PDB file of N, CA and C in Angstrom:
ATOM      1  N   MET A   1      -2.175  18.575  13.354  1.00  0.00           N
ATOM      2  CA  MET A   1      -3.251  18.507  14.326  1.00  0.00           C
ATOM      3  C   MET A   1      -4.556  18.097  13.632  1.00  0.00           C
ATOM      4  N   ILE A   2      -5.227  17.139  14.191  1.00  0.00           N
ATOM      5  CA  ILE A   2      -6.473  16.629  13.625  1.00  0.00           C
ATOM      6  C   ILE A   2      -7.635  17.534  14.029  1.00  0.00           C
ATOM      7  N   ASN A   3      -8.501  17.831  13.068  1.00  0.00           N
ATOM      8  CA  ASN A   3      -9.718  18.575  13.352  1.00  0.00           C
ATOM      9  C   ASN A   3     -10.769  17.569  13.807  1.00  0.00           C
ATOM     10  N   THR A   4     -11.055  17.549  15.102  1.00  0.00           N
ATOM     11  CA  THR A   4     -11.986  16.545  15.634  1.00  0.00           C
ATOM     12  C   THR A   4     -13.410  16.738  15.126  1.00  0.00           C
ATOM     13  N   ASN A   5     -13.723  17.899  14.566  1.00  0.00           N
ATOM     14  CA  ASN A   5     -15.051  18.110  13.975  1.00  0.00           C
ATOM     15  C   ASN A   5     -15.264  17.224  12.754  1.00  0.00           C
ATOM     16  N   GLN A   6     -14.186  16.692  12.202  1.00  0.00           N
ATOM     17  CA  GLN A   6     -14.300  15.808  11.036  1.00  0.00           C
ATOM     18  C   GLN A   6     -14.561  14.359  11.442  1.00  0.00           C
ATOM     19  N   ILE A   7     -14.467  14.056  12.728  1.00  0.00           N
ATOM     20  CA  ILE A   7     -14.718  12.688  13.206  1.00  0.00           C
ATOM     21  C   ILE A   7     -16.210  12.572  13.499  1.00  0.00           C
ATOM     22  N   LYS A   8     -16.883  11.759  12.708  1.00  0.00           N
ATOM     23  CA  LYS A   8     -18.341  11.646  12.758  1.00  0.00           C
ATOM     24  C   LYS A   8     -18.767  10.223  13.120  1.00  0.00           C
ATOM     25  N   PRO A   9     -19.981  10.086  13.688  1.00  0.00           N
ATOM     26  CA  PRO A   9     -20.510   8.751  13.968  1.00  0.00           C
ATOM     27  C   PRO A   9     -20.541   7.887  12.699  1.00  0.00           C
ATOM     28  N   ASP A  10     -20.310   6.604  12.891  1.00  0.00           N
ATOM     29  CA  ASP A  10     -20.347   5.581  11.841  1.00  0.00           C
ATOM     30  C   ASP A  10     -19.161   5.596  10.889  1.00  0.00           C
ATOM     31  N   MET A  11     -18.142   6.445  11.155  1.00  0.00           N
ATOM     32  CA  MET A  11     -16.936   6.388  10.328  1.00  0.00           C
ATOM     33  C   MET A  11     -16.149   5.129  10.684  1.00  0.00           C
ATOM     34  N   PRO A  12     -15.606   4.429   9.681  1.00  0.00           N
ATOM     35  CA  PRO A  12     -14.739   3.299   9.993  1.00  0.00           C
ATOM     36  C   PRO A  12     -13.437   3.768  10.620  1.00  0.00           C
ATOM     37  N   VAL A  13     -12.903   2.976  11.541  1.00  0.00           N
ATOM     38  CA  VAL A  13     -11.603   3.251  12.157  1.00  0.00           C
ATOM     39  C   VAL A  13     -10.641   2.209  11.607  1.00  0.00           C
ATOM     40  N   VAL A  14      -9.579   2.689  10.943  1.00  0.00           N
ATOM     41  CA  VAL A  14      -8.622   1.792  10.312  1.00  0.00           C
ATOM     42  C   VAL A  14      -7.250   1.943  10.948  1.00  0.00           C
ATOM     43  N   CYS A  15      -6.504   0.851  10.935  1.00  0.00           N
ATOM     44  CA  CYS A  15      -5.176   0.834  11.545  1.00  0.00           C
ATOM     45  C   CYS A  15      -4.128   1.328  10.555  1.00  0.00           C
ATOM     46  N   SER A  16      -2.894   1.341  10.999  1.00  0.00           N
ATOM     47  CA  SER A  16      -1.785   1.806  10.161  1.00  0.00           C
ATOM     48  C   SER A  16      -1.576   0.920   8.933  1.00  0.00           C
ATOM     49  N   GLN A  17      -2.153  -0.281   8.957  1.00  0.00           N
ATOM     50  CA  GLN A  17      -2.053  -1.194   7.811  1.00  0.00           C
ATOM     51  C   GLN A  17      -3.330  -1.180   6.969  1.00  0.00           C
ATOM     52  N   ASP A  18      -4.184  -0.181   7.204  1.00  0.00           N
ATOM     53  CA  ASP A  18      -5.439   0.055   6.476  1.00  0.00           C
ATOM     54  C   ASP A  18      -6.541  -0.974   6.735  1.00  0.00           C
ATOM     55  N   GLY A  19      -6.403  -1.784   7.755  1.00  0.00           N
ATOM     56  CA  GLY A  19      -7.466  -2.727   8.099  1.00  0.00           C
ATOM     57  C   GLY A  19      -8.435  -2.092   9.086  1.00  0.00           C
ATOM     58  N   GLN A  20      -9.729  -2.240   8.819  1.00  0.00           N
ATOM     59  CA  GLN A  20     -10.728  -1.682   9.732  1.00  0.00           C
ATOM     60  C   GLN A  20     -10.834  -2.555  10.973  1.00  0.00           C
ATOM     61  N   PHE A  21     -10.829  -1.920  12.158  1.00  0.00           N
ATOM     62  CA  PHE A  21     -10.973  -2.686  13.389  1.00  0.00           C
ATOM     63  C   PHE A  21     -12.071  -2.145  14.292  1.00  0.00           C
ATOM     64  N   ALA A  22     -12.703  -1.038  13.908  1.00  0.00           N
ATOM     65  CA  ALA A  22     -13.764  -0.468  14.740  1.00  0.00           C
ATOM     66  C   ALA A  22     -14.563   0.543  13.924  1.00  0.00           C
ATOM     67  N   ILE A  23     -15.649   1.050  14.563  1.00  0.00           N
ATOM     68  CA  ILE A  23     -16.501   2.085  13.977  1.00  0.00           C
ATOM     69  C   ILE A  23     -16.733   3.146  15.054  1.00  0.00           C
ATOM     70  N   VAL A  24     -16.663   4.402  14.642  1.00  0.00           N
ATOM     71  CA  VAL A  24     -16.890   5.505  15.576  1.00  0.00           C
ATOM     72  C   VAL A  24     -18.345   5.504  16.046  1.00  0.00           C
ATOM     73  N   ASP A  25     -18.532   5.598  17.367  1.00  0.00           N
ATOM     74  CA  ASP A  25     -19.865   5.843  17.921  1.00  0.00           C
ATOM     75  C   ASP A  25     -20.060   7.355  17.979  1.00  0.00           C
ATOM     76  N   HIS A  26     -19.162   8.050  18.697  1.00  0.00           N
ATOM     77  CA  HIS A  26     -19.172   9.512  18.742  1.00  0.00           C
ATOM     78  C   HIS A  26     -17.940   9.992  19.505  1.00  0.00           C
ATOM     79  N   MET A  27     -17.732  11.305  19.470  1.00  0.00           N
ATOM     80  CA  MET A  27     -16.669  11.915  20.272  1.00  0.00           C
ATOM     81  C   MET A  27     -17.132  11.950  21.722  1.00  0.00           C
ATOM     82  N   GLU A  28     -16.249  11.584  22.626  1.00  0.00           N
ATOM     83  CA  GLU A  28     -16.533  11.607  24.064  1.00  0.00           C
ATOM     84  C   GLU A  28     -15.609  12.669  24.652  1.00  0.00           C
ATOM     85  N   GLY A  29     -16.115  13.883  24.759  1.00  0.00           N
ATOM     86  CA  GLY A  29     -15.260  14.977  25.191  1.00  0.00           C
ATOM     87  C   GLY A  29     -14.363  15.409  24.041  1.00  0.00           C
ATOM     88  N   PRO A  30     -13.401  16.285  24.317  1.00  0.00           N
ATOM     89  CA  PRO A  30     -12.573  16.830  23.238  1.00  0.00           C
ATOM     90  C   PRO A  30     -11.431  15.926  22.781  1.00  0.00           C
ATOM     91  N   ASN A  31     -11.061  14.908  23.572  1.00  0.00           N
ATOM     92  CA  ASN A  31      -9.850  14.136  23.277  1.00  0.00           C
ATOM     93  C   ASN A  31     -10.043  12.634  23.157  1.00  0.00           C
ATOM     94  N   THR A  32     -11.285  12.157  23.152  1.00  0.00           N
ATOM     95  CA  THR A  32     -11.526  10.725  23.158  1.00  0.00           C
ATOM     96  C   THR A  32     -12.603  10.348  22.147  1.00  0.00           C
ATOM     97  N   ILE A  33     -12.366   9.248  21.447  1.00  0.00           N
ATOM     98  CA  ILE A  33     -13.350   8.711  20.512  1.00  0.00           C
ATOM     99  C   ILE A  33     -13.968   7.469  21.148  1.00  0.00           C
ATOM    100  N   LYS A  34     -15.280   7.478  21.269  1.00  0.00           N
ATOM    101  CA  LYS A  34     -16.002   6.296  21.743  1.00  0.00           C
ATOM    102  C   LYS A  34     -16.334   5.457  20.519  1.00  0.00           C
ATOM    103  N   LEU A  35     -16.007   4.171  20.589  1.00  0.00           N
ATOM    104  CA  LEU A  35     -16.258   3.260  19.477  1.00  0.00           C
ATOM    105  C   LEU A  35     -17.547   2.494  19.711  1.00  0.00           C
ATOM    106  N   LYS A  36     -18.180   2.081  18.613  1.00  0.00           N
ATOM    107  CA  LYS A  36     -19.400   1.286  18.731  1.00  0.00           C
ATOM    108  C   LYS A  36     -19.091  -0.027  19.430  1.00  0.00           C
ATOM    109  N   LYS A  37     -20.113  -0.629  19.993  1.00  0.00           N
ATOM    110  CA  LYS A  37     -19.956  -1.889  20.720  1.00  0.00           C
ATOM    111  C   LYS A  37     -19.378  -2.969  19.818  1.00  0.00           C
ATOM    112  N   ASP A  38     -18.520  -3.801  20.414  1.00  0.00           N
ATOM    113  CA  ASP A  38     -17.956  -4.930  19.683  1.00  0.00           C
ATOM    114  C   ASP A  38     -18.915  -6.117  19.752  1.00  0.00           C
ATOM    115  N   LYS A  39     -18.471  -7.272  19.310  1.00  0.00           N
ATOM    116  CA  LYS A  39     -19.316  -8.478  19.277  1.00  0.00           C
ATOM    117  C   LYS A  39     -19.811  -8.889  20.654  1.00  0.00           C
ATOM    118  N   THR A  40     -19.077  -8.505  21.690  1.00  0.00           N
ATOM    119  CA  THR A  40     -19.464  -8.884  23.050  1.00  0.00           C
ATOM    120  C   THR A  40     -20.336  -7.815  23.717  1.00  0.00           C
ATOM    121  N   GLY A  41     -20.647  -6.737  23.004  1.00  0.00           N
ATOM    122  CA  GLY A  41     -21.484  -5.682  23.561  1.00  0.00           C
ATOM    123  C   GLY A  41     -20.725  -4.637  24.355  1.00  0.00           C
ATOM    124  N   GLN A  42     -19.409  -4.563  24.177  1.00  0.00           N
ATOM    125  CA  GLN A  42     -18.554  -3.650  24.936  1.00  0.00           C
ATOM    126  C   GLN A  42     -18.139  -2.455  24.079  1.00  0.00           C
ATOM    127  N   HIS A  43     -18.324  -1.240  24.615  1.00  0.00           N
ATOM    128  CA  HIS A  43     -17.765  -0.050  23.973  1.00  0.00           C
ATOM    129  C   HIS A  43     -16.281   0.023  24.311  1.00  0.00           C
ATOM    130  N   HIS A  44     -15.503   0.658  23.435  1.00  0.00           N
ATOM    131  CA  HIS A  44     -14.102   0.931  23.696  1.00  0.00           C
ATOM    132  C   HIS A  44     -13.834   2.391  23.389  1.00  0.00           C
ATOM    133  N   TYR A  45     -12.723   2.896  23.924  1.00  0.00           N
ATOM    134  CA  TYR A  45     -12.354   4.305  23.784  1.00  0.00           C
ATOM    135  C   TYR A  45     -10.904   4.397  23.336  1.00  0.00           C
ATOM    136  N   ILE A  46     -10.660   5.315  22.389  1.00  0.00           N
ATOM    137  CA  ILE A  46      -9.285   5.567  21.956  1.00  0.00           C
ATOM    138  C   ILE A  46      -9.031   7.077  22.009  1.00  0.00           C
ATOM    139  N   PRO A  47      -7.788   7.466  22.283  1.00  0.00           N
ATOM    140  CA  PRO A  47      -7.470   8.896  22.316  1.00  0.00           C
ATOM    141  C   PRO A  47      -7.339   9.480  20.906  1.00  0.00           C
ATOM    142  N   VAL A  48      -7.728  10.725  20.767  1.00  0.00           N
ATOM    143  CA  VAL A  48      -7.580  11.425  19.486  1.00  0.00           C
ATOM    144  C   VAL A  48      -6.108  11.483  19.087  1.00  0.00           C
ATOM    145  N   GLY A  49      -5.208  11.443  20.055  1.00  0.00           N
ATOM    146  CA  GLY A  49      -3.778  11.486  19.766  1.00  0.00           C
ATOM    147  C   GLY A  49      -3.290  10.353  18.879  1.00  0.00           C
ATOM    148  N   TRP A  50      -4.045   9.270  18.803  1.00  0.00           N
ATOM    149  CA  TRP A  50      -3.672   8.158  17.916  1.00  0.00           C
ATOM    150  C   TRP A  50      -3.991   8.465  16.458  1.00  0.00           C
ATOM    151  N   VAL A  51      -4.890   9.395  16.199  1.00  0.00           N
ATOM    152  CA  VAL A  51      -5.408   9.628  14.850  1.00  0.00           C
ATOM    153  C   VAL A  51      -4.374  10.365  14.000  1.00  0.00           C
ATOM    154  N   THR A  52      -4.103   9.804  12.819  1.00  0.00           N
ATOM    155  CA  THR A  52      -3.163  10.438  11.892  1.00  0.00           C
ATOM    156  C   THR A  52      -3.877  11.158  10.766  1.00  0.00           C
ATOM    157  N   SER A  53      -5.104  10.724  10.426  1.00  0.00           N
ATOM    158  CA  SER A  53      -5.864  11.422   9.383  1.00  0.00           C
ATOM    159  C   SER A  53      -7.338  11.039   9.466  1.00  0.00           C
ATOM    160  N   THR A  54      -8.139  11.882   8.832  1.00  0.00           N
ATOM    161  CA  THR A  54      -9.571  11.601   8.700  1.00  0.00           C
ATOM    162  C   THR A  54      -9.968  11.691   7.236  1.00  0.00           C
ATOM    163  N   GLU A  55      -9.003  11.505   6.353  1.00  0.00           N
ATOM    164  CA  GLU A  55      -9.249  11.602   4.913  1.00  0.00           C
ATOM    165  C   GLU A  55      -9.969  10.369   4.402  1.00  0.00           C
ATOM    166  N   GLY A  56     -10.731  10.555   3.339  1.00  0.00           N
ATOM    167  CA  GLY A  56     -11.416   9.434   2.704  1.00  0.00           C
ATOM    168  C   GLY A  56     -12.561   8.872   3.528  1.00  0.00           C
ATOM    169  N   GLY A  57     -13.062   9.667   4.469  1.00  0.00           N
ATOM    170  CA  GLY A  57     -14.187   9.203   5.275  1.00  0.00           C
ATOM    171  C   GLY A  57     -13.821   8.148   6.294  1.00  0.00           C
ATOM    172  N   LYS A  58     -12.529   8.041   6.615  1.00  0.00           N
ATOM    173  CA  LYS A  58     -12.048   7.057   7.587  1.00  0.00           C
ATOM    174  C   LYS A  58     -11.226   7.752   8.662  1.00  0.00           C
ATOM    175  N   VAL A  59     -11.260   7.179   9.849  1.00  0.00           N
ATOM    176  CA  VAL A  59     -10.379   7.626  10.927  1.00  0.00           C
ATOM    177  C   VAL A  59      -9.193   6.666  10.928  1.00  0.00           C
ATOM    178  N   LYS A  60      -8.015   7.167  10.574  1.00  0.00           N
ATOM    179  CA  LYS A  60      -6.826   6.316  10.520  1.00  0.00           C
ATOM    180  C   LYS A  60      -5.977   6.558  11.755  1.00  0.00           C
ATOM    181  N   VAL A  61      -5.536   5.466  12.399  1.00  0.00           N
ATOM    182  CA  VAL A  61      -4.711   5.584  13.594  1.00  0.00           C
ATOM    183  C   VAL A  61      -3.270   5.165  13.294  1.00  0.00           C
ATOM    184  N   ASP A  62      -2.381   5.491  14.224  1.00  0.00           N
ATOM    185  CA  ASP A  62      -0.938   5.351  14.017  1.00  0.00           C
ATOM    186  C   ASP A  62      -0.355   3.997  14.393  1.00  0.00           C
ATOM    187  N   ARG A  63      -1.185   2.999  14.621  1.00  0.00           N
ATOM    188  CA  ARG A  63      -0.677   1.695  15.062  1.00  0.00           C
ATOM    189  C   ARG A  63      -1.447   0.556  14.415  1.00  0.00           C
ATOM    190  N   PRO A  64      -0.850  -0.637  14.403  1.00  0.00           N
ATOM    191  CA  PRO A  64      -1.558  -1.801  13.857  1.00  0.00           C
ATOM    192  C   PRO A  64      -2.824  -2.103  14.678  1.00  0.00           C
ATOM    193  N   GLY A  65      -3.797  -2.713  14.038  1.00  0.00           N
ATOM    194  CA  GLY A  65      -5.071  -3.014  14.689  1.00  0.00           C
ATOM    195  C   GLY A  65      -4.927  -3.845  15.950  1.00  0.00           C
ATOM    196  N   ASP A  66      -4.078  -4.877  15.922  1.00  0.00           N
ATOM    197  CA  ASP A  66      -3.900  -5.727  17.105  1.00  0.00           C
ATOM    198  C   ASP A  66      -3.388  -4.907  18.290  1.00  0.00           C
ATOM    199  N   GLN A  67      -2.438  -4.035  18.028  1.00  0.00           N
ATOM    200  CA  GLN A  67      -1.887  -3.193  19.086  1.00  0.00           C
ATOM    201  C   GLN A  67      -2.953  -2.226  19.599  1.00  0.00           C
ATOM    202  N   ALA A  68      -3.704  -1.617  18.690  1.00  0.00           N
ATOM    203  CA  ALA A  68      -4.758  -0.679  19.097  1.00  0.00           C
ATOM    204  C   ALA A  68      -5.784  -1.373  19.987  1.00  0.00           C
ATOM    205  N   MET A  69      -6.158  -2.592  19.631  1.00  0.00           N
ATOM    206  CA  MET A  69      -7.161  -3.315  20.414  1.00  0.00           C
ATOM    207  C   MET A  69      -6.621  -3.749  21.778  1.00  0.00           C
ATOM    208  N   GLN A  70      -5.317  -3.923  21.899  1.00  0.00           N
ATOM    209  CA  GLN A  70      -4.720  -4.235  23.200  1.00  0.00           C
ATOM    210  C   GLN A  70      -4.648  -2.992  24.082  1.00  0.00           C
ATOM    211  N   GLU A  71      -4.506  -1.822  23.444  1.00  0.00           N
ATOM    212  CA  GLU A  71      -4.273  -0.592  24.192  1.00  0.00           C
ATOM    213  C   GLU A  71      -5.515   0.263  24.399  1.00  0.00           C
ATOM    214  N   TRP A  72      -6.623  -0.040  23.701  1.00  0.00           N
ATOM    215  CA  TRP A  72      -7.807   0.791  23.893  1.00  0.00           C
ATOM    216  C   TRP A  72      -8.360   0.593  25.291  1.00  0.00           C
ATOM    217  N   SER A  73      -9.217   1.499  25.704  1.00  0.00           N
ATOM    218  CA  SER A  73      -9.770   1.461  27.053  1.00  0.00           C
ATOM    219  C   SER A  73     -11.217   1.001  27.011  1.00  0.00           C
ATOM    220  N   LYS A  74     -11.649   0.309  28.054  1.00  0.00           N
ATOM    221  CA  LYS A  74     -13.044  -0.111  28.156  1.00  0.00           C
ATOM    222  C   LYS A  74     -13.869   0.912  28.941  1.00  0.00           C
ATOM    223  N   THR A  75     -13.198   1.899  29.507  1.00  0.00           N
ATOM    224  CA  THR A  75     -13.903   2.938  30.253  1.00  0.00           C
ATOM    225  C   THR A  75     -13.475   4.300  29.746  1.00  0.00           C
ATOM    226  N   PRO A  76     -14.390   5.266  29.763  1.00  0.00           N
ATOM    227  CA  PRO A  76     -14.007   6.601  29.312  1.00  0.00           C
ATOM    228  C   PRO A  76     -13.016   7.225  30.285  1.00  0.00           C
ATOM    229  N   PRO A  77     -12.117   8.059  29.785  1.00  0.00           N
ATOM    230  CA  PRO A  77     -11.177   8.720  30.694  1.00  0.00           C
ATOM    231  C   PRO A  77     -11.930   9.705  31.567  1.00  0.00           C
ATOM    232  N   SER A  78     -11.434   9.913  32.764  1.00  0.00           N
ATOM    233  CA  SER A  78     -12.050  10.922  33.625  1.00  0.00           C
ATOM    234  C   SER A  78     -11.630  12.293  33.123  1.00  0.00           C
ATOM    235  N   ILE A  79     -12.591  13.160  33.014  1.00  0.00           N
ATOM    236  CA  ILE A  79     -12.345  14.488  32.427  1.00  0.00           C
ATOM    237  C   ILE A  79     -12.091  15.495  33.528  1.00  0.00           C
TER     238      ILE A  79
END
């Protein structure tokens, strides 16, 4: 189980292949990470359930970057 208190703003988000594909903006509720705006000015959201570790000052997720970017949400989940 990931300790969400370790997920901090400006942490890099890396995929299962160690490539960075996003940066944490902040936690949005207890189960969602809001990512900083991309090149087009759009925020994205990923579930904490994707996170496998927060070691080394990085948020590592369980899938390749391309897959994560296809599956992330453009709107926050309804709480």
